């Protein structure tokens, strides 16, 4: 196995490892290109494990994975796949081209997952530590009922006298995170996703993946008109 193939294999293995730990539903379901380099395996925190020294090496590996090299990933957008493959064949490829398809859906190749699982069961665990079973996902705690205060002289309680909580902001919060797609909890104050830490008032640009404010009509990075 050449050096490039080893990097791709490690990258894929670490991606599967993170998906098993963070979002096991992604083992069989789609996720966005942006989630790979922003949330699941960002360069800054994973470059040593992947085995790359520079951001350009990381981008080259991810570009190859998204283009289908090694058969690890399946990019669901045919135009995006064709564009990435053509870029790889050029004399001086733009390794960051995949960012233009940040909102495109991608899947893990189930055939690759099956072959890795078979190798692990056979005892060939070289480089397959990411296949160890994960701990069960934590179960959210039930809401604690607020104790009722005793009635006052005129039969009213503190809860009766307290003003009703404002719900206008809650109505504007989406039911699912636009970045990691996790279902958001119903809370009076919810500014950040508790699963990926992203501001829930932001949404990714469908063209370049840049963060957009909900009131914007155009992306500040690429200028595309958006419907947030």
C-alpha atoms as a PDB file:
ATOM      1  CA  UNK A   1       0.000   0.000   0.000  1.00  0.00           C
ATOM      2  CA  UNK A   2       1.403   3.386  -1.037  1.00  0.00           C
ATOM      3  CA  UNK A   3       1.633   6.431   1.203  1.00  0.00           C
ATOM      4  CA  UNK A   4      -1.452   8.068  -0.311  1.00  0.00           C
ATOM      5  CA  UNK A   5      -3.493   4.884   0.095  1.00  0.00           C
ATOM      6  CA  UNK A   6      -2.399   4.635   3.735  1.00  0.00           C
ATOM      7  CA  UNK A   7      -3.487   8.218   4.424  1.00  0.00           C
ATOM      8  CA  UNK A   8      -6.872   7.595   2.788  1.00  0.00           C
ATOM      9  CA  UNK A   9      -7.334   4.401   4.786  1.00  0.00           C
ATOM     10  CA  UNK A  10      -6.487   6.152   8.060  1.00  0.00           C
ATOM     11  CA  UNK A  11      -8.697   9.132   7.209  1.00  0.00           C
ATOM     12  CA  UNK A  12     -11.632   6.851   6.471  1.00  0.00           C
ATOM     13  CA  UNK A  13     -11.020   4.819   9.610  1.00  0.00           C
ATOM     14  CA  UNK A  14     -10.943   7.896  11.827  1.00  0.00           C
ATOM     15  CA  UNK A  15     -14.077   9.247  10.138  1.00  0.00           C
ATOM     16  CA  UNK A  16     -15.898   5.981  10.868  1.00  0.00           C
ATOM     17  CA  UNK A  17     -14.576   6.090  14.429  1.00  0.00           C
ATOM     18  CA  UNK A  18     -15.961   9.593  14.985  1.00  0.00           C
ATOM     19  CA  UNK A  19     -19.284   8.723  13.367  1.00  0.00           C
ATOM     20  CA  UNK A  20     -19.685   5.685  15.615  1.00  0.00           C
ATOM     21  CA  UNK A  21     -19.008   7.877  18.644  1.00  0.00           C
ATOM     22  CA  UNK A  22     -20.852  11.069  17.689  1.00  0.00           C
ATOM     23  CA  UNK A  23     -23.525  10.194  15.124  1.00  0.00           C
ATOM     24  CA  UNK A  24     -24.071   6.422  14.686  1.00  0.00           C
ATOM     25  CA  UNK A  25     -27.043   7.163  12.426  1.00  0.00           C
ATOM     26  CA  UNK A  26     -24.510   8.344   9.839  1.00  0.00           C
ATOM     27  CA  UNK A  27     -23.236   4.762   9.457  1.00  0.00           C
ATOM     28  CA  UNK A  28     -26.192   4.151   7.150  1.00  0.00           C
ATOM     29  CA  UNK A  29     -27.503   7.655   6.498  1.00  0.00           C
ATOM     30  CA  UNK A  30     -26.270  10.751   4.651  1.00  0.00           C
ATOM     31  CA  UNK A  31     -24.323  13.658   6.079  1.00  0.00           C
ATOM     32  CA  UNK A  32     -22.926  16.787   4.462  1.00  0.00           C
ATOM     33  CA  UNK A  33     -19.436  17.378   3.143  1.00  0.00           C
ATOM     34  CA  UNK A  34     -19.124  20.333   5.530  1.00  0.00           C
ATOM     35  CA  UNK A  35     -19.716  18.082   8.539  1.00  0.00           C
ATOM     36  CA  UNK A  36     -16.600  16.068   7.681  1.00  0.00           C
ATOM     37  CA  UNK A  37     -14.121  18.941   7.835  1.00  0.00           C
ATOM     38  CA  UNK A  38     -15.995  21.105  10.357  1.00  0.00           C
ATOM     39  CA  UNK A  39     -17.344  18.663  12.952  1.00  0.00           C
ATOM     40  CA  UNK A  40     -16.364  15.007  12.508  1.00  0.00           C
ATOM     41  CA  UNK A  41     -12.688  15.105  11.479  1.00  0.00           C
ATOM     42  CA  UNK A  42     -11.469  18.737  11.370  1.00  0.00           C
ATOM     43  CA  UNK A  43      -7.848  19.247  10.363  1.00  0.00           C
ATOM     44  CA  UNK A  44      -6.668  20.951  13.551  1.00  0.00           C
ATOM     45  CA  UNK A  45      -7.653  18.158  15.932  1.00  0.00           C
ATOM     46  CA  UNK A  46      -7.153  15.138  13.662  1.00  0.00           C
ATOM     47  CA  UNK A  47      -4.092  15.819  11.503  1.00  0.00           C
ATOM     48  CA  UNK A  48      -1.765  13.749  13.698  1.00  0.00           C
ATOM     49  CA  UNK A  49      -4.069  10.727  13.658  1.00  0.00           C
ATOM     50  CA  UNK A  50      -4.620  11.022   9.918  1.00  0.00           C
ATOM     51  CA  UNK A  51      -0.879  11.378   9.375  1.00  0.00           C
ATOM     52  CA  UNK A  52      -0.699  14.691   7.486  1.00  0.00           C
ATOM     53  CA  UNK A  53       1.603  17.607   8.259  1.00  0.00           C
ATOM     54  CA  UNK A  54      -0.049  20.447   6.352  1.00  0.00           C
ATOM     55  CA  UNK A  55      -3.581  21.553   5.609  1.00  0.00           C
ATOM     56  CA  UNK A  56      -2.909  21.023   1.911  1.00  0.00           C
ATOM     57  CA  UNK A  57      -2.217  17.329   2.551  1.00  0.00           C
ATOM     58  CA  UNK A  58      -5.462  17.061   4.518  1.00  0.00           C
ATOM     59  CA  UNK A  59      -7.413  18.746   1.710  1.00  0.00           C
ATOM     60  CA  UNK A  60      -5.815  16.479  -0.892  1.00  0.00           C
ATOM     61  CA  UNK A  61      -6.833  13.374   1.070  1.00  0.00           C
ATOM     62  CA  UNK A  62     -10.403  14.570   1.595  1.00  0.00           C
ATOM     63  CA  UNK A  63     -10.702  15.594  -2.058  1.00  0.00           C
ATOM     64  CA  UNK A  64      -9.637  12.085  -3.106  1.00  0.00           C
ATOM     65  CA  UNK A  65     -12.067  10.430  -0.689  1.00  0.00           C
ATOM     66  CA  UNK A  66     -14.973  12.537  -1.946  1.00  0.00           C
ATOM     67  CA  UNK A  67     -13.975  11.834  -5.550  1.00  0.00           C
ATOM     68  CA  UNK A  68     -14.419   8.132  -4.821  1.00  0.00           C
ATOM     69  CA  UNK A  69     -10.787   7.075  -4.615  1.00  0.00           C
ATOM     70  CA  UNK A  70     -10.529   3.838  -2.671  1.00  0.00           C
ATOM     71  CA  UNK A  71     -14.297   3.418  -2.706  1.00  0.00           C
ATOM     72  CA  UNK A  72     -14.619   4.650   0.889  1.00  0.00           C
ATOM     73  CA  UNK A  73     -17.247   7.367   0.376  1.00  0.00           C
ATOM     74  CA  UNK A  74     -20.227   7.846  -1.951  1.00  0.00           C
ATOM     75  CA  UNK A  75     -20.901  11.450  -2.990  1.00  0.00           C
ATOM     76  CA  UNK A  76     -24.581  11.680  -3.911  1.00  0.00           C
ATOM     77  CA  UNK A  77     -24.270  14.701  -6.218  1.00  0.00           C
ATOM     78  CA  UNK A  78     -23.248  13.515  -9.689  1.00  0.00           C
ATOM     79  CA  UNK A  79     -22.163  17.008 -10.869  1.00  0.00           C
ATOM     80  CA  UNK A  80     -20.052  17.482  -7.729  1.00  0.00           C
ATOM     81  CA  UNK A  81     -18.450  14.057  -8.168  1.00  0.00           C
ATOM     82  CA  UNK A  82     -17.585  14.770 -11.794  1.00  0.00           C
ATOM     83  CA  UNK A  83     -16.135  18.168 -10.886  1.00  0.00           C
ATOM     84  CA  UNK A  84     -13.904  16.740  -8.136  1.00  0.00           C
ATOM     85  CA  UNK A  85     -12.635  13.939 -10.366  1.00  0.00           C
ATOM     86  CA  UNK A  86     -11.796  16.358 -13.163  1.00  0.00           C
ATOM     87  CA  UNK A  87      -9.955  18.574 -10.682  1.00  0.00           C
ATOM     88  CA  UNK A  88      -7.851  15.632  -9.476  1.00  0.00           C
ATOM     89  CA  UNK A  89      -6.829  14.894 -13.061  1.00  0.00           C
ATOM     90  CA  UNK A  90      -5.591  18.453 -13.622  1.00  0.00           C
ATOM     91  CA  UNK A  91      -1.898  19.342 -13.476  1.00  0.00           C
ATOM     92  CA  UNK A  92      -2.266  21.561 -10.399  1.00  0.00           C
ATOM     93  CA  UNK A  93      -5.522  20.614  -8.647  1.00  0.00           C
ATOM     94  CA  UNK A  94      -7.305  22.960  -6.275  1.00  0.00           C
ATOM     95  CA  UNK A  95      -7.405  20.681  -3.235  1.00  0.00           C
ATOM     96  CA  UNK A  96      -9.969  22.851  -1.457  1.00  0.00           C
ATOM     97  CA  UNK A  97     -12.531  22.583  -4.260  1.00  0.00           C
ATOM     98  CA  UNK A  98     -14.749  20.329  -2.149  1.00  0.00           C
ATOM     99  CA  UNK A  99     -15.711  23.376  -0.059  1.00  0.00           C
ATOM    100  CA  UNK A 100     -17.819  24.558  -2.988  1.00  0.00           C
ATOM    101  CA  UNK A 101     -19.978  21.483  -2.373  1.00  0.00           C
ATOM    102  CA  UNK A 102     -20.183  21.841   1.400  1.00  0.00           C
ATOM    103  CA  UNK A 103     -23.940  21.224   1.444  1.00  0.00           C
ATOM    104  CA  UNK A 104     -23.778  18.108  -0.760  1.00  0.00           C
ATOM    105  CA  UNK A 105     -24.746  14.808   0.856  1.00  0.00           C
ATOM    106  CA  UNK A 106     -22.212  12.007   1.198  1.00  0.00           C
ATOM    107  CA  UNK A 107     -22.453   8.468   2.597  1.00  0.00           C
ATOM    108  CA  UNK A 108     -20.111   5.804   3.890  1.00  0.00           C
ATOM    109  CA  UNK A 109     -19.741   2.943   1.419  1.00  0.00           C
ATOM    110  CA  UNK A 110     -21.435  -0.018   3.187  1.00  0.00           C
ATOM    111  CA  UNK A 111     -19.216  -2.493   1.313  1.00  0.00           C
ATOM    112  CA  UNK A 112     -16.143  -0.907   2.904  1.00  0.00           C
ATOM    113  CA  UNK A 113     -17.737  -1.053   6.345  1.00  0.00           C
ATOM    114  CA  UNK A 114     -18.585  -4.744   5.889  1.00  0.00           C
ATOM    115  CA  UNK A 115     -15.031  -5.611   4.818  1.00  0.00           C
ATOM    116  CA  UNK A 116     -13.532  -3.769   7.788  1.00  0.00           C
ATOM    117  CA  UNK A 117     -15.920  -5.469  10.198  1.00  0.00           C
ATOM    118  CA  UNK A 118     -14.969  -8.858   8.754  1.00  0.00           C
ATOM    119  CA  UNK A 119     -11.264  -8.088   9.159  1.00  0.00           C
ATOM    120  CA  UNK A 120     -11.826  -7.029  12.751  1.00  0.00           C
ATOM    121  CA  UNK A 121     -13.757 -10.207  13.586  1.00  0.00           C
ATOM    122  CA  UNK A 122     -10.962 -12.281  12.032  1.00  0.00           C
ATOM    123  CA  UNK A 123      -8.466 -10.721  14.431  1.00  0.00           C
ATOM    124  CA  UNK A 124      -6.783  -8.435  11.902  1.00  0.00           C
ATOM    125  CA  UNK A 125      -7.112  -5.315  14.027  1.00  0.00           C
ATOM    126  CA  UNK A 126      -4.133  -3.469  12.552  1.00  0.00           C
ATOM    127  CA  UNK A 127      -5.360   0.096  12.162  1.00  0.00           C
ATOM    128  CA  UNK A 128      -8.947  -0.899  12.960  1.00  0.00           C
ATOM    129  CA  UNK A 129      -9.188   0.248  16.556  1.00  0.00           C
ATOM    130  CA  UNK A 130     -11.976   2.570  15.470  1.00  0.00           C
ATOM    131  CA  UNK A 131     -14.238  -0.441  15.003  1.00  0.00           C
ATOM    132  CA  UNK A 132     -14.483  -1.187  18.720  1.00  0.00           C
ATOM    133  CA  UNK A 133     -18.103  -1.004  19.891  1.00  0.00           C
ATOM    134  CA  UNK A 134     -19.106   2.334  21.266  1.00  0.00           C
ATOM    135  CA  UNK A 135     -20.761   3.010  24.585  1.00  0.00           C
ATOM    136  CA  UNK A 136     -24.548   3.456  24.494  1.00  0.00           C
ATOM    137  CA  UNK A 137     -25.706   6.974  23.772  1.00  0.00           C
ATOM    138  CA  UNK A 138     -26.568   8.883  26.952  1.00  0.00           C
ATOM    139  CA  UNK A 139     -30.257   9.032  27.738  1.00  0.00           C
ATOM    140  CA  UNK A 140     -31.606  12.504  28.311  1.00  0.00           C
ATOM    141  CA  UNK A 141     -32.863  13.140  31.825  1.00  0.00           C
ATOM    142  CA  UNK A 142     -36.609  13.767  32.234  1.00  0.00           C
ATOM    143  CA  UNK A 143     -37.665  17.285  33.017  1.00  0.00           C
ATOM    144  CA  UNK A 144     -38.013  18.035  36.729  1.00  0.00           C
ATOM    145  CA  UNK A 145     -41.392  19.417  37.704  1.00  0.00           C
ATOM    146  CA  UNK A 146     -41.273  22.775  39.468  1.00  0.00           C
ATOM    147  CA  UNK A 147     -42.636  22.424  43.017  1.00  0.00           C
ATOM    148  CA  UNK A 148     -45.896  24.282  43.642  1.00  0.00           C
ATOM    149  CA  UNK A 149     -45.604  26.989  46.263  1.00  0.00           C
ATOM    150  CA  UNK A 150     -48.286  27.224  48.963  1.00  0.00           C
ATOM    151  CA  UNK A 151     -51.178  29.597  48.329  1.00  0.00           C
ATOM    152  CA  UNK A 152     -51.082  33.076  49.819  1.00  0.00           C
ATOM    153  CA  UNK A 153     -53.752  34.924  51.750  1.00  0.00           C
ATOM    154  CA  UNK A 154     -55.955  35.398  48.686  1.00  0.00           C
ATOM    155  CA  UNK A 155     -55.515  31.922  47.198  1.00  0.00           C
ATOM    156  CA  UNK A 156     -52.799  32.937  44.708  1.00  0.00           C
ATOM    157  CA  UNK A 157     -49.339  31.449  44.326  1.00  0.00           C
ATOM    158  CA  UNK A 158     -46.035  32.904  43.216  1.00  0.00           C
ATOM    159  CA  UNK A 159     -46.437  31.025  39.949  1.00  0.00           C
ATOM    160  CA  UNK A 160     -49.784  32.758  39.355  1.00  0.00           C
ATOM    161  CA  UNK A 161     -48.260  36.183  39.952  1.00  0.00           C
ATOM    162  CA  UNK A 162     -45.140  35.593  37.841  1.00  0.00           C
ATOM    163  CA  UNK A 163     -45.317  36.876  34.251  1.00  0.00           C
ATOM    164  CA  UNK A 164     -45.641  34.269  31.522  1.00  0.00           C
ATOM    165  CA  UNK A 165     -42.274  33.397  29.900  1.00  0.00           C
ATOM    166  CA  UNK A 166     -41.637  34.863  26.503  1.00  0.00           C
ATOM    167  CA  UNK A 167     -41.938  32.279  23.757  1.00  0.00           C
ATOM    168  CA  UNK A 168     -41.397  34.381  20.676  1.00  0.00           C
ATOM    169  CA  UNK A 169     -37.717  33.496  20.466  1.00  0.00           C
ATOM    170  CA  UNK A 170     -38.408  29.820  20.989  1.00  0.00           C
ATOM    171  CA  UNK A 171     -40.807  29.780  18.049  1.00  0.00           C
ATOM    172  CA  UNK A 172     -38.036  31.001  15.759  1.00  0.00           C
ATOM    173  CA  UNK A 173     -35.619  28.235  16.763  1.00  0.00           C
ATOM    174  CA  UNK A 174     -35.606  25.293  14.291  1.00  0.00           C
ATOM    175  CA  UNK A 175     -36.624  21.843  15.484  1.00  0.00           C
ATOM    176  CA  UNK A 176     -33.391  20.310  14.138  1.00  0.00           C
ATOM    177  CA  UNK A 177     -29.831  21.648  13.943  1.00  0.00           C
ATOM    178  CA  UNK A 178     -29.043  22.825  10.420  1.00  0.00           C
ATOM    179  CA  UNK A 179     -25.420  21.649  10.799  1.00  0.00           C
ATOM    180  CA  UNK A 180     -25.471  18.227  12.491  1.00  0.00           C
ATOM    181  CA  UNK A 181     -29.202  17.520  11.939  1.00  0.00           C
ATOM    182  CA  UNK A 182     -29.745  16.444  15.542  1.00  0.00           C
ATOM    183  CA  UNK A 183     -33.185  17.090  17.033  1.00  0.00           C
ATOM    184  CA  UNK A 184     -32.978  20.165  19.235  1.00  0.00           C
ATOM    185  CA  UNK A 185     -34.466  20.109  22.741  1.00  0.00           C
ATOM    186  CA  UNK A 186     -37.440  22.341  23.504  1.00  0.00           C
ATOM    187  CA  UNK A 187     -36.101  25.046  25.790  1.00  0.00           C
ATOM    188  CA  UNK A 188     -37.065  28.648  26.485  1.00  0.00           C
ATOM    189  CA  UNK A 189     -33.473  29.708  25.797  1.00  0.00           C
ATOM    190  CA  UNK A 190     -31.674  27.814  23.033  1.00  0.00           C
ATOM    191  CA  UNK A 191     -28.873  29.634  21.224  1.00  0.00           C
ATOM    192  CA  UNK A 192     -26.421  26.802  20.514  1.00  0.00           C
ATOM    193  CA  UNK A 193     -26.842  23.175  19.472  1.00  0.00           C
ATOM    194  CA  UNK A 194     -26.020  20.946  22.487  1.00  0.00           C
ATOM    195  CA  UNK A 195     -24.605  18.270  20.159  1.00  0.00           C
ATOM    196  CA  UNK A 196     -22.232  20.148  17.824  1.00  0.00           C
ATOM    197  CA  UNK A 197     -22.008  23.561  19.557  1.00  0.00           C
ATOM    198  CA  UNK A 198     -23.045  25.546  16.478  1.00  0.00           C
ATOM    199  CA  UNK A 199     -25.160  28.716  16.780  1.00  0.00           C
ATOM    200  CA  UNK A 200     -28.708  27.607  15.909  1.00  0.00           C
ATOM    201  CA  UNK A 201     -29.391  31.028  14.369  1.00  0.00           C
ATOM    202  CA  UNK A 202     -26.809  30.295  11.672  1.00  0.00           C
ATOM    203  CA  UNK A 203     -27.247  28.068   8.642  1.00  0.00           C
ATOM    204  CA  UNK A 204     -24.689  26.789   6.071  1.00  0.00           C
ATOM    205  CA  UNK A 205     -24.616  28.411   2.652  1.00  0.00           C
ATOM    206  CA  UNK A 206     -25.746  25.823   0.062  1.00  0.00           C
ATOM    207  CA  UNK A 207     -23.054  27.056  -2.281  1.00  0.00           C
ATOM    208  CA  UNK A 208     -19.878  27.333  -0.190  1.00  0.00           C
ATOM    209  CA  UNK A 209     -20.814  26.188   3.319  1.00  0.00           C
ATOM    210  CA  UNK A 210     -20.118  29.571   4.929  1.00  0.00           C
ATOM    211  CA  UNK A 211     -22.156  30.457   8.012  1.00  0.00           C
ATOM    212  CA  UNK A 212     -25.247  32.558   7.232  1.00  0.00           C
ATOM    213  CA  UNK A 213     -27.378  34.653   9.574  1.00  0.00           C
ATOM    214  CA  UNK A 214     -31.089  33.850   9.301  1.00  0.00           C
ATOM    215  CA  UNK A 215     -31.961  37.382   8.119  1.00  0.00           C
ATOM    216  CA  UNK A 216     -29.463  37.394   5.211  1.00  0.00           C
ATOM    217  CA  UNK A 217     -30.635  37.121   1.614  1.00  0.00           C
ATOM    218  CA  UNK A 218     -27.173  36.677   0.089  1.00  0.00           C
ATOM    219  CA  UNK A 219     -24.033  34.833   1.227  1.00  0.00           C
ATOM    220  CA  UNK A 220     -21.282  37.222   2.347  1.00  0.00           C
ATOM    221  CA  UNK A 221     -18.582  34.844   1.071  1.00  0.00           C
ATOM    222  CA  UNK A 222     -19.720  33.715  -2.391  1.00  0.00           C
ATOM    223  CA  UNK A 223     -22.637  36.097  -3.100  1.00  0.00           C
ATOM    224  CA  UNK A 224     -25.179  33.395  -3.897  1.00  0.00           C
ATOM    225  CA  UNK A 225     -28.818  34.248  -3.151  1.00  0.00           C
ATOM    226  CA  UNK A 226     -30.087  32.123  -0.289  1.00  0.00           C
ATOM    227  CA  UNK A 227     -33.451  31.312   1.229  1.00  0.00           C
ATOM    228  CA  UNK A 228     -32.640  30.938   4.930  1.00  0.00           C
END
